[in-house]
């Protein structure tokens, strides 16, 4: 989805992606 081949204009950083993933996992755990 994200074009990693263009580091000059990154839409999202790896740290932001990992943080969003952690938040999503936490929300899924709360649903259970």
PDB file of N, CA and C in Angstrom:
ATOM      1  N   UNK A   1       0.842  -1.203   0.000  1.00  0.00           N
ATOM      2  CA  UNK A   1       0.000   0.000   0.000  1.00  0.00           C
ATOM      3  C   UNK A   1       0.874   1.248   0.000  1.00  0.00           C
ATOM      4  N   UNK A   2       1.774   1.334   0.993  1.00  0.00           N
ATOM      5  CA  UNK A   2       2.675   2.486   1.053  1.00  0.00           C
ATOM      6  C   UNK A   2       3.857   2.278   0.122  1.00  0.00           C
ATOM      7  N   UNK A   3       4.235   3.318  -0.598  1.00  0.00           N
ATOM      8  CA  UNK A   3       5.358   3.215  -1.529  1.00  0.00           C
ATOM      9  C   UNK A   3       6.665   3.440  -0.782  1.00  0.00           C
ATOM     10  N   UNK A   4       7.317   2.359  -0.418  1.00  0.00           N
ATOM     11  CA  UNK A   4       8.560   2.461   0.352  1.00  0.00           C
ATOM     12  C   UNK A   4       9.714   2.916  -0.536  1.00  0.00           C
ATOM     13  N   UNK A   5       9.515   2.877  -1.844  1.00  0.00           N
ATOM     14  CA  UNK A   5      10.587   3.221  -2.773  1.00  0.00           C
ATOM     15  C   UNK A   5      10.799   4.733  -2.853  1.00  0.00           C
ATOM     16  N   UNK A   6      10.010   5.507  -2.109  1.00  0.00           N
ATOM     17  CA  UNK A   6      10.163   6.966  -2.125  1.00  0.00           C
ATOM     18  C   UNK A   6      10.458   7.480  -0.723  1.00  0.00           C
ATOM     19  N   UNK A   7      11.712   7.356  -0.257  1.00  0.00           N
ATOM     20  CA  UNK A   7      12.087   7.804   1.088  1.00  0.00           C
ATOM     21  C   UNK A   7      12.133   9.323   1.194  1.00  0.00           C
ATOM     22  N   UNK A   8      12.075  10.015   0.061  1.00  0.00           N
ATOM     23  CA  UNK A   8      12.153  11.477   0.082  1.00  0.00           C
ATOM     24  C   UNK A   8      10.880  12.086   0.666  1.00  0.00           C
ATOM     25  N   UNK A   9       9.741  11.417   0.457  1.00  0.00           N
ATOM     26  CA  UNK A   9       8.479  11.956   0.968  1.00  0.00           C
ATOM     27  C   UNK A   9       7.673  10.839   1.628  1.00  0.00           C
ATOM     28  N   UNK A  10       8.135  10.398   2.797  1.00  0.00           N
ATOM     29  CA  UNK A  10       7.444   9.313   3.507  1.00  0.00           C
ATOM     30  C   UNK A  10       6.117   9.795   4.085  1.00  0.00           C
ATOM     31  N   UNK A  11       5.054   9.015   3.866  1.00  0.00           N
ATOM     32  CA  UNK A  11       3.746   9.399   4.393  1.00  0.00           C
ATOM     33  C   UNK A  11       3.635   9.042   5.868  1.00  0.00           C
ATOM     34  N   UNK A  12       4.406   8.053   6.300  1.00  0.00           N
ATOM     35  CA  UNK A  12       4.366   7.628   7.696  1.00  0.00           C
ATOM     36  C   UNK A  12       5.683   6.955   8.041  1.00  0.00           C
ATOM     37  N   UNK A  13       6.143   7.186   9.257  1.00  0.00           N
ATOM     38  CA  UNK A  13       7.412   6.591   9.667  1.00  0.00           C
ATOM     39  C   UNK A  13       7.175   5.211  10.251  1.00  0.00           C
ATOM     40  N   UNK A  14       8.241   4.439  10.368  1.00  0.00           N
ATOM     41  CA  UNK A  14       8.121   3.084  10.907  1.00  0.00           C
ATOM     42  C   UNK A  14       7.641   3.129  12.351  1.00  0.00           C
ATOM     43  N   UNK A  15       8.175   4.072  13.119  1.00  0.00           N
ATOM     44  CA  UNK A  15       7.781   4.183  14.532  1.00  0.00           C
ATOM     45  C   UNK A  15       6.299   4.514  14.660  1.00  0.00           C
ATOM     46  N   UNK A  16       5.802   5.391  13.775  1.00  0.00           N
ATOM     47  CA  UNK A  16       4.384   5.740  13.809  1.00  0.00           C
ATOM     48  C   UNK A  16       3.534   4.534  13.434  1.00  0.00           C
ATOM     49  N   UNK A  17       4.019   3.747  12.463  1.00  0.00           N
ATOM     50  CA  UNK A  17       3.287   2.560  12.038  1.00  0.00           C
ATOM     51  C   UNK A  17       3.218   1.542  13.170  1.00  0.00           C
ATOM     52  N   UNK A  18       4.343   1.343  13.856  1.00  0.00           N
ATOM     53  CA  UNK A  18       4.375   0.397  14.974  1.00  0.00           C
ATOM     54  C   UNK A  18       3.484   0.883  16.115  1.00  0.00           C
ATOM     55  N   UNK A  19       3.479   2.186  16.351  1.00  0.00           N
ATOM     56  CA  UNK A  19       2.646   2.737  17.424  1.00  0.00           C
ATOM     57  C   UNK A  19       1.169   2.524  17.101  1.00  0.00           C
ATOM     58  N   UNK A  20       0.788   2.763  15.854  1.00  0.00           N
ATOM     59  CA  UNK A  20      -0.594   2.571  15.449  1.00  0.00           C
ATOM     60  C   UNK A  20      -0.984   1.110  15.575  1.00  0.00           C
ATOM     61  N   UNK A  21      -0.046   0.212  15.246  1.00  0.00           N
ATOM     62  CA  UNK A  21      -0.303  -1.224  15.365  1.00  0.00           C
ATOM     63  C   UNK A  21      -0.541  -1.601  16.821  1.00  0.00           C
ATOM     64  N   UNK A  22       0.259  -1.050  17.708  1.00  0.00           N
ATOM     65  CA  UNK A  22       0.108  -1.338  19.140  1.00  0.00           C
ATOM     66  C   UNK A  22      -1.248  -0.850  19.643  1.00  0.00           C
ATOM     67  N   UNK A  23      -1.656   0.335  19.197  1.00  0.00           N
ATOM     68  CA  UNK A  23      -2.949   0.888  19.607  1.00  0.00           C
ATOM     69  C   UNK A  23      -4.077  -0.003  19.098  1.00  0.00           C
ATOM     70  N   UNK A  24      -3.961  -0.460  17.859  1.00  0.00           N
ATOM     71  CA  UNK A  24      -4.985  -1.323  17.276  1.00  0.00           C
ATOM     72  C   UNK A  24      -5.091  -2.631  18.042  1.00  0.00           C
ATOM     73  N   UNK A  25      -3.949  -3.218  18.387  1.00  0.00           N
ATOM     74  CA  UNK A  25      -3.944  -4.472  19.143  1.00  0.00           C
ATOM     75  C   UNK A  25      -4.571  -4.265  20.516  1.00  0.00           C
ATOM     76  N   UNK A  26      -4.280  -3.143  21.156  1.00  0.00           N
ATOM     77  CA  UNK A  26      -4.835  -2.844  22.478  1.00  0.00           C
ATOM     78  C   UNK A  26      -6.352  -2.714  22.389  1.00  0.00           C
ATOM     79  N   UNK A  27      -6.846  -2.070  21.333  1.00  0.00           N
ATOM     80  CA  UNK A  27      -8.287  -1.910  21.165  1.00  0.00           C
ATOM     81  C   UNK A  27      -8.952  -3.266  20.941  1.00  0.00           C
ATOM     82  N   UNK A  28      -8.290  -4.146  20.182  1.00  0.00           N
ATOM     83  CA  UNK A  28      -8.837  -5.481  19.951  1.00  0.00           C
ATOM     84  C   UNK A  28      -8.892  -6.272  21.252  1.00  0.00           C
ATOM     85  N   UNK A  29      -7.891  -6.099  22.103  1.00  0.00           N
ATOM     86  CA  UNK A  29      -7.869  -6.791  23.395  1.00  0.00           C
ATOM     87  C   UNK A  29      -9.013  -6.283  24.280  1.00  0.00           C
ATOM     88  N   UNK A  30      -9.329  -4.992  24.174  1.00  0.00           N
ATOM     89  CA  UNK A  30     -10.409  -4.423  24.984  1.00  0.00           C
ATOM     90  C   UNK A  30     -11.764  -4.961  24.528  1.00  0.00           C
ATOM     91  N   UNK A  31     -11.882  -5.258  23.223  1.00  0.00           N
ATOM     92  CA  UNK A  31     -13.135  -5.798  22.690  1.00  0.00           C
ATOM     93  C   UNK A  31     -13.387  -7.194  23.254  1.00  0.00           C
ATOM     94  N   UNK A  32     -12.297  -7.967  23.391  1.00  0.00           N
ATOM     95  CA  UNK A  32     -12.438  -9.306  23.974  1.00  0.00           C
ATOM     96  C   UNK A  32     -12.841  -9.167  25.416  1.00  0.00           C
TER      97      UNK A  32
END
